[in-house]
PDB file of N, CA and C in Angstrom:
ATOM      1  N   UNK A   1      24.079  25.901  -3.287  1.00  0.00           N
ATOM      2  CA  UNK A   1      23.127  25.006  -3.454  1.00  0.00           C
ATOM      3  C   UNK A   1      23.130  23.694  -3.442  1.00  0.00           C
ATOM      4  N   UNK A   2      22.436  23.089  -2.869  1.00  0.00           N
ATOM      5  CA  UNK A   2      22.354  21.559  -2.699  1.00  0.00           C
ATOM      6  C   UNK A   2      21.446  20.738  -3.337  1.00  0.00           C
ATOM      7  N   UNK A   3      21.817  19.543  -4.261  1.00  0.00           N
ATOM      8  CA  UNK A   3      21.170  18.989  -4.962  1.00  0.00           C
ATOM      9  C   UNK A   3      20.668  17.665  -3.984  1.00  0.00           C
ATOM     10  N   UNK A   4      19.206  17.421  -3.899  1.00  0.00           N
ATOM     11  CA  UNK A   4      18.422  16.821  -3.015  1.00  0.00           C
ATOM     12  C   UNK A   4      17.694  15.585  -4.034  1.00  0.00           C
ATOM     13  N   UNK A   5      17.717  14.428  -3.299  1.00  0.00           N
ATOM     14  CA  UNK A   5      17.169  13.529  -3.878  1.00  0.00           C
ATOM     15  C   UNK A   5      16.155  12.702  -3.095  1.00  0.00           C
ATOM     16  N   UNK A   6      15.127  12.088  -3.534  1.00  0.00           N
ATOM     17  CA  UNK A   6      13.737  11.682  -2.753  1.00  0.00           C
ATOM     18  C   UNK A   6      13.934  10.085  -3.282  1.00  0.00           C
ATOM     19  N   UNK A   7      13.662   9.250  -2.100  1.00  0.00           N
ATOM     20  CA  UNK A   7      13.409   8.121  -2.495  1.00  0.00           C
ATOM     21  C   UNK A   7      12.126   7.528  -1.484  1.00  0.00           C
ATOM     22  N   UNK A   8      11.574   6.566  -2.058  1.00  0.00           N
ATOM     23  CA  UNK A   8      10.327   5.902  -1.578  1.00  0.00           C
ATOM     24  C   UNK A   8      10.586   4.541  -0.686  1.00  0.00           C
ATOM     25  N   UNK A   9      10.633   4.472   0.875  1.00  0.00           N
ATOM     26  CA  UNK A   9      10.620   3.228   1.451  1.00  0.00           C
ATOM     27  C   UNK A   9       9.257   2.900   2.157  1.00  0.00           C
ATOM     28  N   UNK A  10       9.306   1.489   1.821  1.00  0.00           N
ATOM     29  CA  UNK A  10       8.179   0.672   2.882  1.00  0.00           C
ATOM     30  C   UNK A  10       8.818   0.127   3.871  1.00  0.00           C
ATOM     31  N   UNK A  11       8.291   0.178   5.200  1.00  0.00           N
ATOM     32  CA  UNK A  11       8.613  -0.684   6.454  1.00  0.00           C
ATOM     33  C   UNK A  11       7.363  -1.041   7.076  1.00  0.00           C
ATOM     34  N   UNK A  12       7.922  -1.875   8.216  1.00  0.00           N
ATOM     35  CA  UNK A  12       6.674  -2.554   9.026  1.00  0.00           C
ATOM     36  C   UNK A  12       7.540  -2.496  10.414  1.00  0.00           C
ATOM     37  N   UNK A  13       6.658  -2.922  11.574  1.00  0.00           N
ATOM     38  CA  UNK A  13       6.804  -3.066  12.623  1.00  0.00           C
ATOM     39  C   UNK A  13       5.700  -3.445  13.588  1.00  0.00           C
ATOM     40  N   UNK A  14       6.209  -4.598  14.336  1.00  0.00           N
ATOM     41  CA  UNK A  14       5.038  -5.068  15.368  1.00  0.00           C
ATOM     42  C   UNK A  14       4.726  -4.296  16.308  1.00  0.00           C
ATOM     43  N   UNK A  15       5.357  -2.962  16.710  1.00  0.00           N
ATOM     44  CA  UNK A  15       5.154  -2.231  17.787  1.00  0.00           C
ATOM     45  C   UNK A  15       4.623  -1.044  17.605  1.00  0.00           C
ATOM     46  N   UNK A  16       5.074  -0.165  16.721  1.00  0.00           N
ATOM     47  CA  UNK A  16       4.062   0.837  16.207  1.00  0.00           C
ATOM     48  C   UNK A  16       4.842   1.472  15.139  1.00  0.00           C
ATOM     49  N   UNK A  17       4.072   2.610  14.486  1.00  0.00           N
ATOM     50  CA  UNK A  17       4.203   3.434  13.192  1.00  0.00           C
ATOM     51  C   UNK A  17       5.716   4.286  13.298  1.00  0.00           C
ATOM     52  N   UNK A  18       5.761   4.844  14.542  1.00  0.00           N
ATOM     53  CA  UNK A  18       7.198   5.106  14.805  1.00  0.00           C
ATOM     54  C   UNK A  18       8.266   4.098  14.624  1.00  0.00           C
ATOM     55  N   UNK A  19       8.273   3.001  15.362  1.00  0.00           N
ATOM     56  CA  UNK A  19       9.313   2.164  15.203  1.00  0.00           C
ATOM     57  C   UNK A  19       9.314   1.857  13.705  1.00  0.00           C
ATOM     58  N   UNK A  20       8.364   1.502  12.868  1.00  0.00           N
ATOM     59  CA  UNK A  20       8.284   1.232  11.583  1.00  0.00           C
ATOM     60  C   UNK A  20       9.332   2.508  10.496  1.00  0.00           C
ATOM     61  N   UNK A  21       9.187   3.615  11.257  1.00  0.00           N
ATOM     62  CA  UNK A  21       9.617   4.910  10.277  1.00  0.00           C
ATOM     63  C   UNK A  21      11.267   4.597  10.817  1.00  0.00           C
ATOM     64  N   UNK A  22      11.672   4.237  11.949  1.00  0.00           N
ATOM     65  CA  UNK A  22      13.006   4.491  12.449  1.00  0.00           C
ATOM     66  C   UNK A  22      13.678   3.008  11.537  1.00  0.00           C
ATOM     67  N   UNK A  23      12.976   2.310  11.704  1.00  0.00           N
ATOM     68  CA  UNK A  23      13.302   0.856  10.629  1.00  0.00           C
ATOM     69  C   UNK A  23      13.687   1.337   9.211  1.00  0.00           C
ATOM     70  N   UNK A  24      12.724   2.144   8.473  1.00  0.00           N
ATOM     71  CA  UNK A  24      12.909   2.507   7.129  1.00  0.00           C
ATOM     72  C   UNK A  24      14.302   3.615   7.331  1.00  0.00           C
ATOM     73  N   UNK A  25      14.301   4.235   7.964  1.00  0.00           N
ATOM     74  CA  UNK A  25      15.508   5.367   7.950  1.00  0.00           C
ATOM     75  C   UNK A  25      16.764   4.294   8.392  1.00  0.00           C
ATOM     76  N   UNK A  26      16.748   3.454   9.161  1.00  0.00           N
ATOM     77  CA  UNK A  26      18.047   2.687   9.549  1.00  0.00           C
ATOM     78  C   UNK A  26      18.399   1.679   8.236  1.00  0.00           C
ATOM     79  N   UNK A  27      17.260   1.149   7.788  1.00  0.00           N
ATOM     80  CA  UNK A  27      17.485   0.410   6.672  1.00  0.00           C
ATOM     81  C   UNK A  27      18.413   1.393   5.378  1.00  0.00           C
ATOM     82  N   UNK A  28      17.735   2.513   5.162  1.00  0.00           N
ATOM     83  CA  UNK A  28      18.016   3.267   4.161  1.00  0.00           C
ATOM     84  C   UNK A  28      19.644   3.997   4.316  1.00  0.00           C
ATOM     85  N   UNK A  29      19.939   4.311   5.660  1.00  0.00           N
ATOM     86  CA  UNK A  29      20.981   4.494   5.909  1.00  0.00           C
ATOM     87  C   UNK A  29      22.277   3.626   5.747  1.00  0.00           C
ATOM     88  N   UNK A  30      21.876   2.388   5.431  1.00  0.00           N
ATOM     89  CA  UNK A  30      23.069   1.424   5.277  1.00  0.00           C
ATOM     90  C   UNK A  30      23.408   1.610   3.831  1.00  0.00           C
ATOM     91  N   UNK A  31      22.622   2.296   2.703  1.00  0.00           N
ATOM     92  CA  UNK A  31      23.485   2.568   1.516  1.00  0.00           C
ATOM     93  C   UNK A  31      23.245   3.761   0.944  1.00  0.00           C
ATOM     94  N   UNK A  32      22.514   4.577   1.870  1.00  0.00           N
ATOM     95  CA  UNK A  32      22.221   6.107   1.333  1.00  0.00           C
ATOM     96  C   UNK A  32      22.776   6.998   2.350  1.00  0.00           C
ATOM     97  N   UNK A  33      23.732   7.753   1.927  1.00  0.00           N
ATOM     98  CA  UNK A  33      24.598   8.779   3.071  1.00  0.00           C
ATOM     99  C   UNK A  33      23.630  10.327   2.659  1.00  0.00           C
ATOM    100  N   UNK A  34      24.056  10.922   3.923  1.00  0.00           N
ATOM    101  CA  UNK A  34      23.654  12.440   3.960  1.00  0.00           C
ATOM    102  C   UNK A  34      21.813  12.466   3.916  1.00  0.00           C
ATOM    103  N   UNK A  35      21.369  11.456   4.723  1.00  0.00           N
ATOM    104  CA  UNK A  35      19.915  11.648   5.062  1.00  0.00           C
ATOM    105  C   UNK A  35      19.774  12.923   5.661  1.00  0.00           C
ATOM    106  N   UNK A  36      18.726  13.951   5.020  1.00  0.00           N
ATOM    107  CA  UNK A  36      18.407  15.053   5.472  1.00  0.00           C
ATOM    108  C   UNK A  36      17.060  15.322   6.422  1.00  0.00           C
ATOM    109  N   UNK A  37      15.783  14.386   5.552  1.00  0.00           N
ATOM    110  CA  UNK A  37      14.765  14.191   6.386  1.00  0.00           C
ATOM    111  C   UNK A  37      13.581  13.343   5.987  1.00  0.00           C
ATOM    112  N   UNK A  38      12.723  12.786   6.718  1.00  0.00           N
ATOM    113  CA  UNK A  38      11.983  11.867   6.436  1.00  0.00           C
ATOM    114  C   UNK A  38      10.494  12.466   6.377  1.00  0.00           C
ATOM    115  N   UNK A  39       9.833  11.985   5.675  1.00  0.00           N
ATOM    116  CA  UNK A  39       8.308  12.449   5.484  1.00  0.00           C
ATOM    117  C   UNK A  39       7.241  10.874   5.234  1.00  0.00           C
ATOM    118  N   UNK A  40       6.195  10.922   6.255  1.00  0.00           N
ATOM    119  CA  UNK A  40       5.393   9.787   6.347  1.00  0.00           C
ATOM    120  C   UNK A  40       4.185   9.955   5.232  1.00  0.00           C
ATOM    121  N   UNK A  41       4.265   9.394   4.091  1.00  0.00           N
ATOM    122  CA  UNK A  41       3.292   9.366   3.302  1.00  0.00           C
ATOM    123  C   UNK A  41       1.877   8.917   3.620  1.00  0.00           C
ATOM    124  N   UNK A  42       2.301   7.470   4.197  1.00  0.00           N
ATOM    125  CA  UNK A  42       1.032   6.737   4.427  1.00  0.00           C
ATOM    126  C   UNK A  42       1.194   5.744   5.665  1.00  0.00           C
ATOM    127  N   UNK A  43       0.043   5.584   6.502  1.00  0.00           N
ATOM    128  CA  UNK A  43       0.229   4.718   7.493  1.00  0.00           C
ATOM    129  C   UNK A  43      -0.746   3.673   7.206  1.00  0.00           C
ATOM    130  N   UNK A  44      -0.265   2.443   7.520  1.00  0.00           N
ATOM    131  CA  UNK A  44      -1.911   1.327   7.549  1.00  0.00           C
ATOM    132  C   UNK A  44      -1.056   0.417   8.594  1.00  0.00           C
ATOM    133  N   UNK A  45      -2.160  -0.656   8.737  1.00  0.00           N
ATOM    134  CA  UNK A  45      -2.014  -1.407   9.628  1.00  0.00           C
ATOM    135  C   UNK A  45      -2.471  -2.949   9.325  1.00  0.00           C
ATOM    136  N   UNK A  46      -2.149  -4.085   9.944  1.00  0.00           N
ATOM    137  CA  UNK A  46      -3.076  -5.175   9.547  1.00  0.00           C
ATOM    138  C   UNK A  46      -3.626  -5.505  10.756  1.00  0.00           C
ATOM    139  N   UNK A  47      -4.754  -6.374  10.794  1.00  0.00           N
ATOM    140  CA  UNK A  47      -5.575  -6.603  11.929  1.00  0.00           C
ATOM    141  C   UNK A  47      -5.852  -8.070  12.049  1.00  0.00           C
ATOM    142  N   UNK A  48      -5.558  -8.830  13.227  1.00  0.00           N
ATOM    143  CA  UNK A  48      -5.786 -10.124  13.286  1.00  0.00           C
ATOM    144  C   UNK A  48      -6.445 -10.063  15.052  1.00  0.00           C
ATOM    145  N   UNK A  49      -7.609 -10.993  14.614  1.00  0.00           N
ATOM    146  CA  UNK A  49      -8.549 -11.216  15.638  1.00  0.00           C
ATOM    147  C   UNK A  49      -8.870  -9.949  16.635  1.00  0.00           C
ATOM    148  N   UNK A  50      -9.171  -9.209  15.716  1.00  0.00           N
ATOM    149  CA  UNK A  50      -9.708  -7.390  16.559  1.00  0.00           C
ATOM    150  C   UNK A  50      -8.859  -6.859  16.841  1.00  0.00           C
ATOM    151  N   UNK A  51      -7.355  -7.205  16.939  1.00  0.00           N
ATOM    152  CA  UNK A  51      -6.147  -6.305  17.063  1.00  0.00           C
ATOM    153  C   UNK A  51      -5.210  -6.270  16.163  1.00  0.00           C
ATOM    154  N   UNK A  52      -4.496  -4.700  16.391  1.00  0.00           N
ATOM    155  CA  UNK A  52      -3.428  -4.573  15.596  1.00  0.00           C
ATOM    156  C   UNK A  52      -2.484  -5.337  15.628  1.00  0.00           C
ATOM    157  N   UNK A  53      -2.161  -5.756  14.485  1.00  0.00           N
ATOM    158  CA  UNK A  53      -1.007  -7.156  14.345  1.00  0.00           C
ATOM    159  C   UNK A  53       0.465  -6.394  14.068  1.00  0.00           C
ATOM    160  N   UNK A  54       0.513  -5.674  12.498  1.00  0.00           N
ATOM    161  CA  UNK A  54       1.600  -4.988  12.246  1.00  0.00           C
ATOM    162  C   UNK A  54       1.266  -3.523  11.617  1.00  0.00           C
ATOM    163  N   UNK A  55       2.389  -2.745  12.127  1.00  0.00           N
ATOM    164  CA  UNK A  55       2.297  -1.479  11.589  1.00  0.00           C
ATOM    165  C   UNK A  55       2.878  -1.019  10.281  1.00  0.00           C
ATOM    166  N   UNK A  56       2.543  -0.385   9.376  1.00  0.00           N
ATOM    167  CA  UNK A  56       3.011  -0.177   8.036  1.00  0.00           C
ATOM    168  C   UNK A  56       3.362   1.351   7.913  1.00  0.00           C
ATOM    169  N   UNK A  57       4.626   1.672   7.149  1.00  0.00           N
ATOM    170  CA  UNK A  57       4.461   2.771   6.967  1.00  0.00           C
ATOM    171  C   UNK A  57       5.064   2.918   5.284  1.00  0.00           C
ATOM    172  N   UNK A  58       4.860   4.056   4.716  1.00  0.00           N
ATOM    173  CA  UNK A  58       5.257   4.413   3.355  1.00  0.00           C
ATOM    174  C   UNK A  58       5.930   5.983   3.464  1.00  0.00           C
ATOM    175  N   UNK A  59       7.179   5.734   3.624  1.00  0.00           N
ATOM    176  CA  UNK A  59       7.894   6.856   4.065  1.00  0.00           C
ATOM    177  C   UNK A  59       8.829   7.708   2.508  1.00  0.00           C
ATOM    178  N   UNK A  60       8.873   8.608   2.863  1.00  0.00           N
ATOM    179  CA  UNK A  60       9.779   9.299   1.597  1.00  0.00           C
ATOM    180  C   UNK A  60      11.055   9.878   2.473  1.00  0.00           C
ATOM    181  N   UNK A  61      12.034   9.754   1.798  1.00  0.00           N
ATOM    182  CA  UNK A  61      13.207   9.938   2.263  1.00  0.00           C
ATOM    183  C   UNK A  61      14.008  10.876   1.495  1.00  0.00           C
ATOM    184  N   UNK A  62      14.782  12.106   1.942  1.00  0.00           N
ATOM    185  CA  UNK A  62      15.419  12.939   1.193  1.00  0.00           C
ATOM    186  C   UNK A  62      16.788  12.911   1.753  1.00  0.00           C
ATOM    187  N   UNK A  63      17.759  12.980   0.887  1.00  0.00           N
ATOM    188  CA  UNK A  63      19.029  12.963   0.989  1.00  0.00           C
ATOM    189  C   UNK A  63      19.593  13.893   0.034  1.00  0.00           C
ATOM    190  N   UNK A  64      21.105  14.551   0.558  1.00  0.00           N
ATOM    191  CA  UNK A  64      21.721  15.323  -0.447  1.00  0.00           C
ATOM    192  C   UNK A  64      22.719  14.350  -1.044  1.00  0.00           C
ATOM    193  N   UNK A  65      22.789  14.756  -2.694  1.00  0.00           N
ATOM    194  CA  UNK A  65      23.798  14.167  -3.732  1.00  0.00           C
ATOM    195  C   UNK A  65      24.749  15.120  -3.544  1.00  0.00           C
ATOM    196  N   UNK A  66      26.289  14.241  -3.058  1.00  0.00           N
ATOM    197  CA  UNK A  66      27.389  15.254  -3.584  1.00  0.00           C
ATOM    198  C   UNK A  66      27.999  14.808  -4.693  1.00  0.00           C
TER     199      UNK A  66
END
């Protein structure tokens, strides 16, 4: 049986929600090992002059505790 833990991470990107998600996982993996999955909980964006400026995600990252 594995023991899993979930943390919530916020990230942003100028490119896309997918890129913001990748950045969240990359940043979390600097201090968290054995990441198993990522769940995109929320997506939002900022708008400037009628155009999307920044993509934001709120993700839940699941990792195994050893």
